[in-house]
Structure formats: structure tokens, C-alpha cells
Amino acid sequence: MVLYKQKKNNQAAAAARNRLLISITVLGSAGPIRFVVNEDELVAAVIVTALKAYAREGRLPVLGSDFKDFVLYCPIAGTEALGPWQTIGSFGVRNFMLCKKPQVESASVDEEKHAITRKGNGSWKTWFNKSLNLKISSH
């Protein structure tokens, strides 16, 4: 019976040792998200959990739910993003930063956007100034 209690206590200690309370700061959000994960959890799964927790709390800005659009950084590990197939406990830290991957746009899309913004009489500032002048001169 004593052997059973020791075995049960060792299993409980091992389970407690394998779980981590991590803190993920989302770039542009008010504060970090905190939750418990297993230390052998994959980075991709942690990103999915963080996005679900972020959406459930109704935080802003709205991020979306596709984990492939995000990268997780470890401040101590340097400027390289963590690989999605690495385990979260292999870094020995509990604080991370979640950022959206930079969107790469083709040159033709950029040129099209510039053409659209230049179309017309000018910028929004010109329109705003014209609308102010109309209101001032009308009385």
C-alpha cells in the first residue's frame, strides 16, 4: 500500500513538472494571454490555443484563426521565429510574443493601389479642405 501511494505521488509530481504557465504578448494588444500547456506541446498548437483564447476574450485588434499567418517569438532566443514543430518547453522560458507574419504583395498590386489612390482630384486632405471652405463661405 505504501508503494502505491509513492507511485501515485511520483505520477502527480511528473504531471505537474510537465505543465507550464506561459504568457503570450500579442503585438498591438493591451496585455498578455496566460494559459497552461504541456512542455512537450508543439509551437503550432500553442499558437492555435492563443488565437482561440484571444478571440474568446474579445480582444482587439481582431487577428483571425489561421495559425499559419502567425509566428511565435521567444525574446531570449533572438530574432528568429520559433519553428511550428518545435516543443514549447525546449526553450526554457515562459514568455513569448505572437506576431502576424508580414504580408508579401506583388509589385503589380502595389502599382494598382497607387493608381486607385491617385485617381480623382487629389487626396482626402484636398477633399477635406474643399468641404471646409464650402461650409465657411456659405454663411
C-alpha atoms as a PDB file:
ATOM      1  CA  MET A   1       0.000   0.000   0.000  1.00  0.00           C
ATOM      2  CA  VAL A   2       2.880   2.379   0.709  1.00  0.00           C
ATOM      3  CA  LEU A   3       4.331   1.562  -2.698  1.00  0.00           C
ATOM      4  CA  TYR A   4       1.037   2.536  -4.344  1.00  0.00           C
ATOM      5  CA  LYS A   5       0.991   5.948  -2.589  1.00  0.00           C
ATOM      6  CA  GLN A   6       4.582   6.675  -3.604  1.00  0.00           C
ATOM      7  CA  LYS A   7       3.852   5.742  -7.196  1.00  0.00           C
ATOM      8  CA  LYS A   8       0.753   7.961  -7.210  1.00  0.00           C
ATOM      9  CA  ASN A   9       2.720  10.895  -5.732  1.00  0.00           C
ATOM     10  CA  ASN A  10       5.508  10.443  -8.311  1.00  0.00           C
ATOM     11  CA  GLN A  11       2.963  10.492 -11.150  1.00  0.00           C
ATOM     12  CA  ALA A  12       1.377  13.671  -9.781  1.00  0.00           C
ATOM     13  CA  ALA A  13       4.793  15.318  -9.456  1.00  0.00           C
ATOM     14  CA  ALA A  14       5.714  14.297 -13.022  1.00  0.00           C
ATOM     15  CA  ALA A  15       2.429  15.693 -14.356  1.00  0.00           C
ATOM     16  CA  ALA A  16       2.984  18.984 -12.506  1.00  0.00           C
ATOM     17  CA  ARG A  17       6.545  19.181 -13.792  1.00  0.00           C
ATOM     18  CA  ASN A  18       5.415  18.764 -17.415  1.00  0.00           C
ATOM     19  CA  ARG A  19       2.953  21.662 -17.379  1.00  0.00           C
ATOM     20  CA  LEU A  20       3.913  25.312 -17.806  1.00  0.00           C
ATOM     21  CA  LEU A  21       2.050  28.556 -17.284  1.00  0.00           C
ATOM     22  CA  ILE A  22       3.045  30.610 -20.314  1.00  0.00           C
ATOM     23  CA  SER A  23       2.426  34.242 -21.130  1.00  0.00           C
ATOM     24  CA  ILE A  24       1.970  35.323 -24.743  1.00  0.00           C
ATOM     25  CA  THR A  25       2.005  39.003 -25.637  1.00  0.00           C
ATOM     26  CA  VAL A  26       0.161  39.762 -28.868  1.00  0.00           C
ATOM     27  CA  LEU A  27       1.684  42.612 -30.809  1.00  0.00           C
ATOM     28  CA  GLY A  28      -0.766  45.529 -30.682  1.00  0.00           C
ATOM     29  CA  SER A  29      -2.911  44.136 -27.860  1.00  0.00           C
ATOM     30  CA  ALA A  30      -3.386  45.560 -24.382  1.00  0.00           C
ATOM     31  CA  GLY A  31      -1.892  42.738 -22.342  1.00  0.00           C
ATOM     32  CA  PRO A  32      -0.622  39.174 -22.401  1.00  0.00           C
ATOM     33  CA  ILE A  33      -2.671  35.989 -22.618  1.00  0.00           C
ATOM     34  CA  ARG A  34      -1.820  33.395 -19.976  1.00  0.00           C
ATOM     35  CA  PHE A  35      -2.656  29.699 -20.064  1.00  0.00           C
ATOM     36  CA  VAL A  36      -1.229  26.325 -19.054  1.00  0.00           C
ATOM     37  CA  VAL A  37       0.335  23.985 -21.615  1.00  0.00           C
ATOM     38  CA  ASN A  38       2.305  20.766 -21.542  1.00  0.00           C
ATOM     39  CA  GLU A  39       6.001  21.367 -22.067  1.00  0.00           C
ATOM     40  CA  ASP A  40       6.000  18.866 -24.963  1.00  0.00           C
ATOM     41  CA  GLU A  41       3.250  20.816 -26.787  1.00  0.00           C
ATOM     42  CA  LEU A  42       4.155  21.928 -30.312  1.00  0.00           C
ATOM     43  CA  VAL A  43       4.549  25.639 -31.053  1.00  0.00           C
ATOM     44  CA  ALA A  44       1.823  25.390 -33.729  1.00  0.00           C
ATOM     45  CA  ALA A  45      -0.655  24.033 -31.165  1.00  0.00           C
ATOM     46  CA  VAL A  46       0.268  26.811 -28.724  1.00  0.00           C
ATOM     47  CA  ILE A  47      -0.405  29.427 -31.427  1.00  0.00           C
ATOM     48  CA  VAL A  48      -3.832  27.853 -32.095  1.00  0.00           C
ATOM     49  CA  THR A  49      -4.647  27.887 -28.374  1.00  0.00           C
ATOM     50  CA  ALA A  50      -3.509  31.512 -28.058  1.00  0.00           C
ATOM     51  CA  LEU A  51      -5.660  32.603 -31.023  1.00  0.00           C
ATOM     52  CA  LYS A  52      -8.707  30.835 -29.582  1.00  0.00           C
ATOM     53  CA  ALA A  53      -8.180  32.408 -26.151  1.00  0.00           C
ATOM     54  CA  TYR A  54      -7.652  35.828 -27.758  1.00  0.00           C
ATOM     55  CA  ALA A  55     -10.890  35.552 -29.755  1.00  0.00           C
ATOM     56  CA  ARG A  56     -12.861  34.143 -26.788  1.00  0.00           C
ATOM     57  CA  GLU A  57     -11.843  37.166 -24.687  1.00  0.00           C
ATOM     58  CA  GLY A  58     -12.981  39.530 -27.462  1.00  0.00           C
ATOM     59  CA  ARG A  59      -9.663  41.340 -27.666  1.00  0.00           C
ATOM     60  CA  LEU A  60      -8.737  43.891 -30.267  1.00  0.00           C
ATOM     61  CA  PRO A  61      -7.375  44.076 -32.902  1.00  0.00           C
ATOM     62  CA  VAL A  62      -9.157  41.066 -34.426  1.00  0.00           C
ATOM     63  CA  LEU A  63      -6.492  38.591 -35.528  1.00  0.00           C
ATOM     64  CA  GLY A  64      -8.174  35.707 -37.320  1.00  0.00           C
ATOM     65  CA  SER A  65      -7.839  31.998 -36.651  1.00  0.00           C
ATOM     66  CA  ASP A  66      -5.309  30.615 -39.134  1.00  0.00           C
ATOM     67  CA  PHE A  67      -2.165  29.727 -37.213  1.00  0.00           C
ATOM     68  CA  LYS A  68      -0.142  29.790 -40.451  1.00  0.00           C
ATOM     69  CA  ASP A  69      -0.500  33.590 -40.529  1.00  0.00           C
ATOM     70  CA  PHE A  70       1.352  33.997 -37.213  1.00  0.00           C
ATOM     71  CA  VAL A  71       4.783  33.417 -35.732  1.00  0.00           C
ATOM     72  CA  LEU A  72       5.827  32.995 -32.133  1.00  0.00           C
ATOM     73  CA  TYR A  73       8.983  34.644 -30.850  1.00  0.00           C
ATOM     74  CA  CYS A  74      10.988  33.969 -27.740  1.00  0.00           C
ATOM     75  CA  PRO A  75      12.736  37.147 -26.537  1.00  0.00           C
ATOM     76  CA  ILE A  76      15.714  35.216 -25.195  1.00  0.00           C
ATOM     77  CA  ALA A  77      16.177  33.036 -28.297  1.00  0.00           C
ATOM     78  CA  GLY A  78      16.926  36.031 -30.509  1.00  0.00           C
ATOM     79  CA  THR A  79      15.182  37.449 -33.549  1.00  0.00           C
ATOM     80  CA  GLU A  80      14.363  34.135 -35.210  1.00  0.00           C
ATOM     81  CA  ALA A  81      10.764  32.918 -35.064  1.00  0.00           C
ATOM     82  CA  LEU A  82      10.174  29.583 -33.380  1.00  0.00           C
ATOM     83  CA  GLY A  83       9.570  26.646 -35.681  1.00  0.00           C
ATOM     84  CA  PRO A  84       5.998  25.289 -35.638  1.00  0.00           C
ATOM     85  CA  TRP A  85       7.210  21.734 -34.969  1.00  0.00           C
ATOM     86  CA  GLN A  86       9.433  22.594 -32.002  1.00  0.00           C
ATOM     87  CA  THR A  87       8.215  21.878 -28.492  1.00  0.00           C
ATOM     88  CA  ILE A  88       7.326  24.873 -26.331  1.00  0.00           C
ATOM     89  CA  GLY A  89       9.231  23.559 -23.301  1.00  0.00           C
ATOM     90  CA  SER A  90      12.522  23.163 -25.160  1.00  0.00           C
ATOM     91  CA  PHE A  91      13.317  26.869 -24.798  1.00  0.00           C
ATOM     92  CA  GLY A  92      13.250  27.023 -21.004  1.00  0.00           C
ATOM     93  CA  VAL A  93      11.242  30.249 -20.959  1.00  0.00           C
ATOM     94  CA  ARG A  94       7.620  31.116 -20.298  1.00  0.00           C
ATOM     95  CA  ASN A  95       7.207  34.485 -22.000  1.00  0.00           C
ATOM     96  CA  PHE A  96       6.577  34.689 -25.736  1.00  0.00           C
ATOM     97  CA  MET A  97       5.424  37.200 -28.334  1.00  0.00           C
ATOM     98  CA  LEU A  98       2.868  36.429 -31.057  1.00  0.00           C
ATOM     99  CA  CYS A  99       3.113  38.458 -34.265  1.00  0.00           C
ATOM    100  CA  LYS A 100       1.370  38.360 -37.598  1.00  0.00           C
ATOM    101  CA  LYS A 101       3.586  37.273 -40.488  1.00  0.00           C
ATOM    102  CA  PRO A 102       4.418  40.136 -42.835  1.00  0.00           C
ATOM    103  CA  GLN A 103       2.286  40.044 -45.988  1.00  0.00           C
ATOM    104  CA  VAL A 104       4.240  39.974 -49.233  1.00  0.00           C
ATOM    105  CA  GLU A 105       2.468  41.780 -52.050  1.00  0.00           C
ATOM    106  CA  SER A 106       3.439  41.702 -55.675  1.00  0.00           C
ATOM    107  CA  ALA A 107       4.595  44.862 -57.456  1.00  0.00           C
ATOM    108  CA  SER A 108       1.549  44.920 -59.756  1.00  0.00           C
ATOM    109  CA  VAL A 109      -0.818  45.022 -56.782  1.00  0.00           C
ATOM    110  CA  ASP A 110       1.150  47.924 -55.284  1.00  0.00           C
ATOM    111  CA  GLU A 111       1.044  49.841 -58.566  1.00  0.00           C
ATOM    112  CA  GLU A 112      -2.699  49.235 -58.835  1.00  0.00           C
ATOM    113  CA  LYS A 113      -3.263  50.563 -55.307  1.00  0.00           C
ATOM    114  CA  HIS A 114      -1.265  53.719 -56.063  1.00  0.00           C
ATOM    115  CA  ALA A 115      -3.222  54.256 -59.270  1.00  0.00           C
ATOM    116  CA  ILE A 116      -6.502  53.995 -57.387  1.00  0.00           C
ATOM    117  CA  THR A 117      -5.423  56.449 -54.673  1.00  0.00           C
ATOM    118  CA  ARG A 118      -4.206  58.985 -57.263  1.00  0.00           C
ATOM    119  CA  LYS A 119      -7.400  58.747 -59.291  1.00  0.00           C
ATOM    120  CA  GLY A 120      -9.638  61.810 -58.972  1.00  0.00           C
ATOM    121  CA  ASN A 121      -8.915  65.385 -57.952  1.00  0.00           C
ATOM    122  CA  GLY A 122      -6.422  64.619 -55.209  1.00  0.00           C
ATOM    123  CA  SER A 123      -6.063  63.243 -51.748  1.00  0.00           C
ATOM    124  CA  TRP A 124      -8.501  63.158 -48.861  1.00  0.00           C
ATOM    125  CA  LYS A 125      -6.791  66.254 -47.478  1.00  0.00           C
ATOM    126  CA  THR A 126      -7.786  68.208 -50.569  1.00  0.00           C
ATOM    127  CA  TRP A 127     -11.362  66.976 -50.272  1.00  0.00           C
ATOM    128  CA  PHE A 128     -11.430  67.898 -46.575  1.00  0.00           C
ATOM    129  CA  ASN A 129     -10.122  71.414 -47.223  1.00  0.00           C
ATOM    130  CA  LYS A 130     -12.684  71.933 -50.010  1.00  0.00           C
ATOM    131  CA  SER A 131     -15.519  70.806 -47.765  1.00  0.00           C
ATOM    132  CA  LEU A 132     -14.372  73.198 -45.010  1.00  0.00           C
ATOM    133  CA  ASN A 133     -14.212  76.092 -47.459  1.00  0.00           C
ATOM    134  CA  LEU A 134     -17.756  75.379 -48.643  1.00  0.00           C
ATOM    135  CA  LYS A 135     -19.104  75.375 -45.089  1.00  0.00           C
ATOM    136  CA  ILE A 136     -17.272  78.556 -44.119  1.00  0.00           C
ATOM    137  CA  SER A 137     -18.251  80.542 -47.210  1.00  0.00           C
ATOM    138  CA  SER A 138     -21.923  79.526 -47.054  1.00  0.00           C
ATOM    139  CA  HIS A 139     -22.825  81.783 -44.106  1.00  0.00           C
END
